[in-house]
Amino acid sequence: MAEPPVVQLAHVEITTPTPERTYWFFHDLLGMEETTRAGQSVYLRGYEDWYHHTLKVTEGPQAALGHVAWRVGSEADLEALARRLDHAGYGRGWADGDLGHGRTYRFVTPDGHPMELLWEVEYYQPPEAMRTVLRNRPQKRPLRGIPVRRIDHVNLMAREVGPVRDFFVEHLGFRLREEKIGQGGQVVGAWLSVSPLVHEVAVMRDATGARGRFHHVAYWYGYPQHLMDAADALVDYGMRIESGPGKHGTTQAYFLYVFEPGGVRVELFGDTGYLIFDPTWKTVVWDVSNESDLERSSIWFGGRLPETFYTYGVPSTAWEAAAAR
């Protein structure tokens, strides 16, 4: 099997009407490191994220997705994918880049989610006080909040899952790892990855019928105990936990869903789920028209997901996202 041209989730930009409170949530509660600020934006990263940033928080009139960025495997892959996306009608042109990375090619999914591809990246350089003796870690573990370790995945909401799923597979080289099929054979969820992770992107049907909305960005702890510690802190400091801690059947991931103060849903991972090394992996299919599969795939333990999980999302606001709708 050929290597996919996209190799990694690089970063996510969100907008928030409460920038100071949103910054406090990510920096103080989740222990993320501030790399720099520019204009109305602040750039943050987990302590095991190697790049300049994995989260860009920008002040805006509403909670929204700014964009999702993917790193490709080479400059040649960047050029080839740009031509492919332009020819397919999804391209939105080249941009000079941003702090922490070089030029990017912008595009939208069939549902209108704004995304970009990049190759050149700036690696995080810790200040002297944060240098670690571990040569395979970019910095010391922060002594602030319950620090997340790295970005894990994003979840997109779509009016129709199938076209977005097929777009990731056919144009970007993702592999379909798990899928949920509902009434009448309708695809209601898809989990895809370009690495051994069970997913770097998930696509779920938007129960409201809207297009191009964003469900969540996920950060990883590694140890489930840290997820429990985070839950304690989030409740103590008045954050709205939507669901969890619990465990999904799909992906086998320990989870907690919480809303940052601006209104974007954030998932906290307490485990990796499982890893896939089989080059001939066959997609796991759940028939959620069956009540047993519905319950076991959504929640392995921890109760039921609330209705808001299927209906609440934030819009996309970047480069001509609405043009695809």
Protein backbone atom coordinates (compact mmCIF):
# COMPACT_ATOMS: atom_id res chain seq x y z
CA MET A 1 0.00 0.00 0.00
CA ALA A 2 1.41 3.41 -0.98
CA GLU A 3 2.13 5.92 1.74
CA PRO A 4 -0.61 8.58 2.01
CA PRO A 5 0.40 12.10 0.90
CA VAL A 6 -1.04 13.54 4.13
CA VAL A 7 0.94 12.31 7.13
CA GLN A 8 -0.21 14.23 10.20
CA LEU A 9 -2.72 16.56 11.80
CA ALA A 10 -0.67 19.74 12.23
CA HIS A 11 -2.90 22.29 13.97
CA VAL A 12 -6.39 23.71 14.38
CA GLU A 13 -7.56 27.32 14.53
CA ILE A 14 -10.66 28.24 16.51
CA THR A 15 -12.27 31.62 17.06
CA THR A 16 -13.75 32.77 20.35
CA PRO A 17 -15.77 35.78 21.57
CA THR A 18 -14.11 35.38 25.02
CA PRO A 19 -10.37 35.28 24.22
CA GLU A 20 -9.11 35.80 27.77
CA ARG A 21 -11.32 33.08 29.23
CA THR A 22 -10.56 30.70 26.36
CA TYR A 23 -6.83 31.30 26.86
CA TRP A 24 -7.23 30.62 30.60
CA PHE A 25 -8.98 27.33 29.82
CA PHE A 26 -6.25 26.02 27.53
CA HIS A 27 -3.25 27.57 29.29
CA ASP A 28 -4.15 27.35 32.98
CA LEU A 29 -6.53 24.39 33.18
CA LEU A 30 -5.14 22.19 30.41
CA GLY A 31 -1.55 23.32 30.94
CA MET A 32 -0.84 24.19 27.30
CA GLU A 33 2.21 26.27 26.47
CA GLU A 34 1.96 29.66 24.80
CA THR A 35 4.47 29.93 21.96
CA THR A 36 3.71 33.45 20.81
CA ARG A 37 1.02 36.06 20.12
CA ALA A 38 0.30 38.04 16.98
CA GLY A 39 -2.60 40.39 16.32
CA GLN A 40 -5.78 38.90 17.73
CA SER A 41 -4.32 35.38 17.96
CA VAL A 42 -2.40 33.31 20.48
CA TYR A 43 -0.52 30.13 19.52
CA LEU A 44 -0.48 27.17 21.92
CA ARG A 45 0.80 23.59 22.07
CA GLY A 46 0.81 20.54 24.35
CA TYR A 47 4.09 19.67 26.04
CA GLU A 48 4.72 16.72 23.71
CA ASP A 49 3.76 18.59 20.54
CA TRP A 50 6.96 19.12 18.54
CA TYR A 51 5.83 21.98 16.32
CA HIS A 52 5.50 25.70 16.99
CA HIS A 53 1.80 25.25 17.78
CA THR A 54 -1.09 22.85 17.45
CA LEU A 55 -3.81 25.32 18.45
CA LYS A 56 -4.36 28.86 17.23
CA VAL A 57 -6.96 30.80 19.22
CA THR A 58 -8.23 33.93 17.46
CA GLU A 59 -10.63 36.51 18.81
CA GLY A 60 -13.85 36.61 16.79
CA PRO A 61 -17.55 37.42 17.06
CA GLN A 62 -18.54 33.78 17.71
CA ALA A 63 -17.18 30.35 18.51
CA ALA A 64 -16.17 28.82 15.19
CA LEU A 65 -13.67 26.75 13.27
CA GLY A 66 -11.03 28.88 11.59
CA HIS A 67 -9.33 25.99 9.81
CA VAL A 68 -7.73 22.56 10.16
CA ALA A 69 -4.15 22.12 8.92
CA TRP A 70 -2.58 18.88 7.69
CA ARG A 71 1.11 18.26 7.10
CA VAL A 72 2.11 16.38 3.95
CA GLY A 73 5.13 14.15 3.41
CA SER A 74 7.17 16.40 1.14
CA GLU A 75 7.19 19.56 -0.94
CA ALA A 76 6.39 17.40 -3.97
CA ASP A 77 3.32 15.99 -2.20
CA LEU A 78 2.17 19.53 -1.42
CA GLU A 79 2.41 20.54 -5.07
CA ALA A 80 0.72 17.35 -6.29
CA LEU A 81 -2.17 17.59 -3.83
CA ALA A 82 -2.69 21.26 -4.67
CA ARG A 83 -3.07 20.37 -8.35
CA ARG A 84 -5.43 17.50 -7.51
CA LEU A 85 -7.66 19.59 -5.26
CA ASP A 86 -7.71 22.49 -7.69
CA HIS A 87 -8.73 20.20 -10.53
CA ALA A 88 -11.48 18.65 -8.39
CA GLY A 89 -12.89 22.09 -7.53
CA TYR A 90 -12.10 22.06 -3.81
CA GLY A 91 -9.04 24.33 -3.91
CA ARG A 92 -9.04 27.87 -2.58
CA GLY A 93 -5.51 28.83 -3.58
CA TRP A 94 -2.08 29.37 -2.05
CA ALA A 95 -1.26 31.44 1.02
CA ASP A 96 2.12 32.62 2.32
CA GLY A 97 1.76 30.69 5.57
CA ASP A 98 1.59 31.76 9.18
CA LEU A 99 3.75 31.87 12.27
CA GLY A 100 5.35 28.45 12.70
CA HIS A 101 5.02 27.15 9.15
CA GLY A 102 5.63 27.90 5.51
CA ARG A 103 3.28 28.41 2.59
CA THR A 104 -0.01 26.55 2.56
CA TYR A 105 -2.56 25.38 0.05
CA ARG A 106 -6.12 26.11 1.15
CA PHE A 107 -9.13 23.95 0.34
CA VAL A 108 -12.57 22.98 1.61
CA THR A 109 -14.24 19.61 2.10
CA PRO A 110 -17.43 18.79 0.16
CA ASP A 111 -19.37 20.05 3.18
CA GLY A 112 -17.44 23.34 3.41
CA HIS A 113 -14.92 22.79 6.24
CA PRO A 114 -11.90 25.08 5.69
CA MET A 115 -8.55 23.29 5.63
CA GLU A 116 -4.98 23.75 4.53
CA LEU A 117 -1.97 21.65 3.57
CA LEU A 118 1.59 22.50 4.56
CA TRP A 119 5.08 21.03 4.44
CA GLU A 120 7.58 23.43 6.03
CA VAL A 121 7.23 23.67 9.81
CA GLU A 122 9.04 25.43 12.64
CA TYR A 123 9.96 23.21 15.57
CA TYR A 124 9.36 24.44 19.10
CA GLN A 125 12.44 25.79 20.86
CA PRO A 126 11.93 25.81 24.64
CA PRO A 127 13.36 28.55 26.83
CA GLU A 128 16.22 27.46 29.05
CA ALA A 129 13.95 26.96 32.08
CA MET A 130 11.79 24.49 30.14
CA ARG A 131 14.58 22.36 28.63
CA THR A 132 14.29 18.71 29.63
CA VAL A 133 16.90 16.00 30.12
CA LEU A 134 14.71 13.74 27.97
CA ARG A 135 16.08 14.12 24.46
CA ASN A 136 12.91 12.60 22.97
CA ARG A 137 10.58 15.20 24.50
CA PRO A 138 10.47 18.85 23.40
CA GLN A 139 10.17 20.33 26.90
CA LYS A 140 9.60 19.66 30.58
CA ARG A 141 6.15 18.63 31.75
CA PRO A 142 4.43 21.85 32.91
CA LEU A 143 3.63 22.31 36.60
CA ARG A 144 0.36 24.05 35.75
CA GLY A 145 -3.14 22.62 35.58
CA ILE A 146 -3.50 19.05 34.32
CA PRO A 147 -1.36 19.36 31.18
CA VAL A 148 -2.41 17.67 27.96
CA ARG A 149 0.35 15.95 26.04
CA ARG A 150 -0.45 16.38 22.33
CA ILE A 151 -3.14 17.04 19.77
CA ASP A 152 -4.95 13.87 18.74
CA HIS A 153 -7.79 14.40 16.24
CA VAL A 154 -10.66 16.52 14.98
CA ASN A 155 -14.32 15.68 14.49
CA LEU A 156 -16.34 17.26 11.68
CA MET A 157 -20.12 17.46 11.36
CA ALA A 158 -21.63 17.02 7.90
CA ARG A 159 -25.05 16.98 6.29
CA GLU A 160 -23.94 13.83 4.46
CA VAL A 161 -21.06 11.75 5.81
CA GLY A 162 -20.43 9.71 2.65
CA PRO A 163 -19.11 12.48 0.38
CA VAL A 164 -16.79 13.86 3.08
CA ARG A 165 -15.53 10.36 3.94
CA ASP A 166 -14.86 9.63 0.28
CA PHE A 167 -13.09 12.97 -0.14
CA PHE A 168 -10.58 12.14 2.60
CA VAL A 169 -9.96 8.69 1.16
CA GLU A 170 -9.80 9.53 -2.54
CA HIS A 171 -8.07 12.92 -2.47
CA LEU A 172 -5.95 12.90 0.70
CA GLY A 173 -5.09 9.22 1.13
CA PHE A 174 -6.85 8.53 4.44
CA ARG A 175 -7.86 4.99 5.38
CA LEU A 176 -11.34 4.21 6.66
CA ARG A 177 -10.93 2.53 10.05
CA GLU A 178 -14.47 2.36 11.49
CA GLU A 179 -17.92 3.28 10.24
CA LYS A 180 -21.47 3.51 11.55
CA ILE A 181 -24.45 2.64 9.36
CA GLY A 182 -27.93 3.80 10.37
CA GLN A 183 -31.48 3.34 9.16
CA GLY A 184 -31.81 2.58 5.46
CA GLY A 185 -28.07 2.01 5.09
CA GLN A 186 -27.26 5.70 5.66
CA VAL A 187 -23.68 6.36 6.77
CA VAL A 188 -23.86 8.32 10.04
CA GLY A 189 -20.22 8.23 11.17
CA ALA A 190 -16.73 7.53 9.82
CA TRP A 191 -13.32 7.36 11.50
CA LEU A 192 -10.24 7.79 9.30
CA SER A 193 -6.48 7.99 9.74
CA VAL A 194 -3.17 8.17 7.89
CA SER A 195 -1.17 6.68 10.76
CA PRO A 196 -1.57 3.73 13.18
CA LEU A 197 -3.95 5.89 15.23
CA VAL A 198 -7.53 4.73 14.82
CA HIS A 199 -8.42 8.23 13.67
CA GLU A 200 -7.03 11.70 13.07
CA VAL A 201 -10.38 12.82 11.71
CA ALA A 202 -13.93 11.67 12.34
CA VAL A 203 -17.00 12.69 10.34
CA MET A 204 -20.46 12.48 11.87
CA ARG A 205 -23.91 13.25 10.53
CA ASP A 206 -25.22 16.62 11.67
CA ALA A 207 -28.65 15.88 13.15
CA THR A 208 -29.77 19.45 12.40
CA GLY A 209 -29.10 19.09 8.67
CA ALA A 210 -26.56 21.94 8.70
CA ARG A 211 -23.36 21.83 6.64
CA GLY A 212 -19.72 22.56 7.39
CA ARG A 213 -19.93 22.63 11.17
CA PHE A 214 -17.19 21.62 13.62
CA HIS A 215 -17.79 19.15 16.43
CA HIS A 216 -14.55 19.11 18.46
CA VAL A 217 -10.79 19.13 18.70
CA ALA A 218 -9.22 16.43 20.90
CA TYR A 219 -6.11 16.49 23.06
CA TRP A 220 -4.46 13.42 24.54
CA TYR A 221 -3.40 12.64 28.11
CA GLY A 222 -2.17 9.09 27.79
CA TYR A 223 -3.01 8.06 31.34
CA PRO A 224 -6.71 7.68 32.26
CA GLN A 225 -5.96 8.97 35.78
CA HIS A 226 -5.13 12.39 34.31
CA LEU A 227 -8.56 12.39 32.66
CA MET A 228 -10.14 11.91 36.09
CA ASP A 229 -7.96 14.67 37.53
CA ALA A 230 -9.05 16.96 34.71
CA ALA A 231 -12.71 16.16 35.37
CA ASP A 232 -12.29 17.18 39.02
CA ALA A 233 -10.64 20.46 38.06
CA LEU A 234 -13.15 21.28 35.33
CA VAL A 235 -16.08 20.84 37.71
CA ASP A 236 -14.35 22.84 40.45
CA TYR A 237 -13.72 25.74 38.08
CA GLY A 238 -17.20 25.86 36.62
CA MET A 239 -16.63 24.37 33.18
CA ARG A 240 -19.55 22.70 31.43
CA ILE A 241 -18.85 18.99 30.97
CA GLU A 242 -21.13 17.61 28.30
CA SER A 243 -20.35 13.92 28.79
CA GLY A 244 -17.86 11.64 30.52
CA PRO A 245 -15.53 10.46 31.71
CA GLY A 246 -16.50 7.33 29.84
CA LYS A 247 -15.36 4.99 27.10
CA HIS A 248 -16.47 4.70 23.49
CA GLY A 249 -16.96 1.35 21.83
CA THR A 250 -15.95 2.90 18.52
CA THR A 251 -12.18 3.57 18.78
CA GLN A 252 -12.17 2.15 22.37
CA ALA A 253 -11.15 5.59 23.61
CA TYR A 254 -11.57 6.99 27.12
CA PHE A 255 -13.15 10.42 26.76
CA LEU A 256 -14.47 13.55 28.36
CA TYR A 257 -16.28 16.26 26.38
CA VAL A 258 -16.20 19.81 27.73
CA PHE A 259 -16.99 23.24 26.30
CA GLU A 260 -14.26 25.84 26.49
CA PRO A 261 -15.62 29.24 27.63
CA GLY A 262 -16.03 30.57 24.09
CA GLY A 263 -18.24 27.65 23.06
CA VAL A 264 -16.05 25.17 21.15
CA ARG A 265 -16.35 21.56 22.27
CA VAL A 266 -13.04 19.96 23.36
CA GLU A 267 -12.48 16.26 23.85
CA LEU A 268 -9.92 15.06 26.38
CA PHE A 269 -8.49 11.61 25.68
CA GLY A 270 -7.33 9.38 28.51
CA ASP A 271 -5.96 6.58 26.37
CA THR A 272 -4.96 5.90 22.76
CA GLY A 273 -7.91 3.66 21.99
CA TYR A 274 -6.12 1.10 19.87
CA LEU A 275 -3.43 1.22 17.17
CA ILE A 276 -3.61 -0.27 13.67
CA PHE A 277 -0.51 -1.77 12.04
CA ASP A 278 -2.25 -4.20 9.68
CA PRO A 279 -1.75 -2.99 6.05
CA THR A 280 -4.85 -4.96 4.99
CA TRP A 281 -7.10 -3.67 7.77
CA LYS A 282 -10.80 -4.23 7.09
CA THR A 283 -13.11 -1.43 8.16
CA VAL A 284 -15.04 -2.14 11.36
CA VAL A 285 -18.73 -1.54 10.64
CA TRP A 286 -21.34 -0.87 13.33
CA ASP A 287 -25.04 -1.22 12.46
CA VAL A 288 -26.48 1.50 14.70
CA SER A 289 -30.01 0.83 13.45
CA ASN A 290 -29.58 -2.07 15.88
CA GLU A 291 -30.07 -0.85 19.46
CA SER A 292 -27.28 -3.06 20.80
CA ASP A 293 -24.69 -1.74 18.32
CA LEU A 294 -25.89 1.83 18.88
CA GLU A 295 -25.30 1.67 22.63
CA ARG A 296 -22.06 -0.30 22.52
CA SER A 297 -20.45 1.76 19.79
CA SER A 298 -21.29 5.13 21.37
CA ILE A 299 -20.69 4.32 25.04
CA TRP A 300 -18.89 1.24 26.28
CA PHE A 301 -19.35 2.54 29.80
CA GLY A 302 -20.45 5.86 31.27
CA GLY A 303 -24.15 6.26 30.40
CA ARG A 304 -25.65 7.77 27.23
CA LEU A 305 -24.45 10.66 25.11
CA PRO A 306 -26.77 13.69 25.44
CA GLU A 307 -28.82 15.01 22.54
CA THR A 308 -26.49 18.03 22.26
CA PHE A 309 -23.72 15.68 21.15
CA TYR A 310 -25.57 15.17 17.87
CA THR A 311 -26.98 18.67 17.42
CA TYR A 312 -24.43 21.19 18.76
CA GLY A 313 -21.58 22.34 16.56
CA VAL A 314 -19.88 25.60 15.64
CA PRO A 315 -19.76 27.05 12.11
CA SER A 316 -16.79 27.34 9.79
CA THR A 317 -15.69 30.92 9.10
CA ALA A 318 -12.51 30.88 7.02
CA TRP A 319 -11.62 31.20 3.33
CA GLU A 320 -14.82 31.00 1.36
CA ALA A 321 -16.06 28.00 3.37
CA ALA A 322 -19.60 29.02 2.54
CA ALA A 323 -18.85 28.79 -1.17
CA ALA A 324 -19.01 24.99 -0.99
CA ARG A 325 -22.42 24.95 0.65
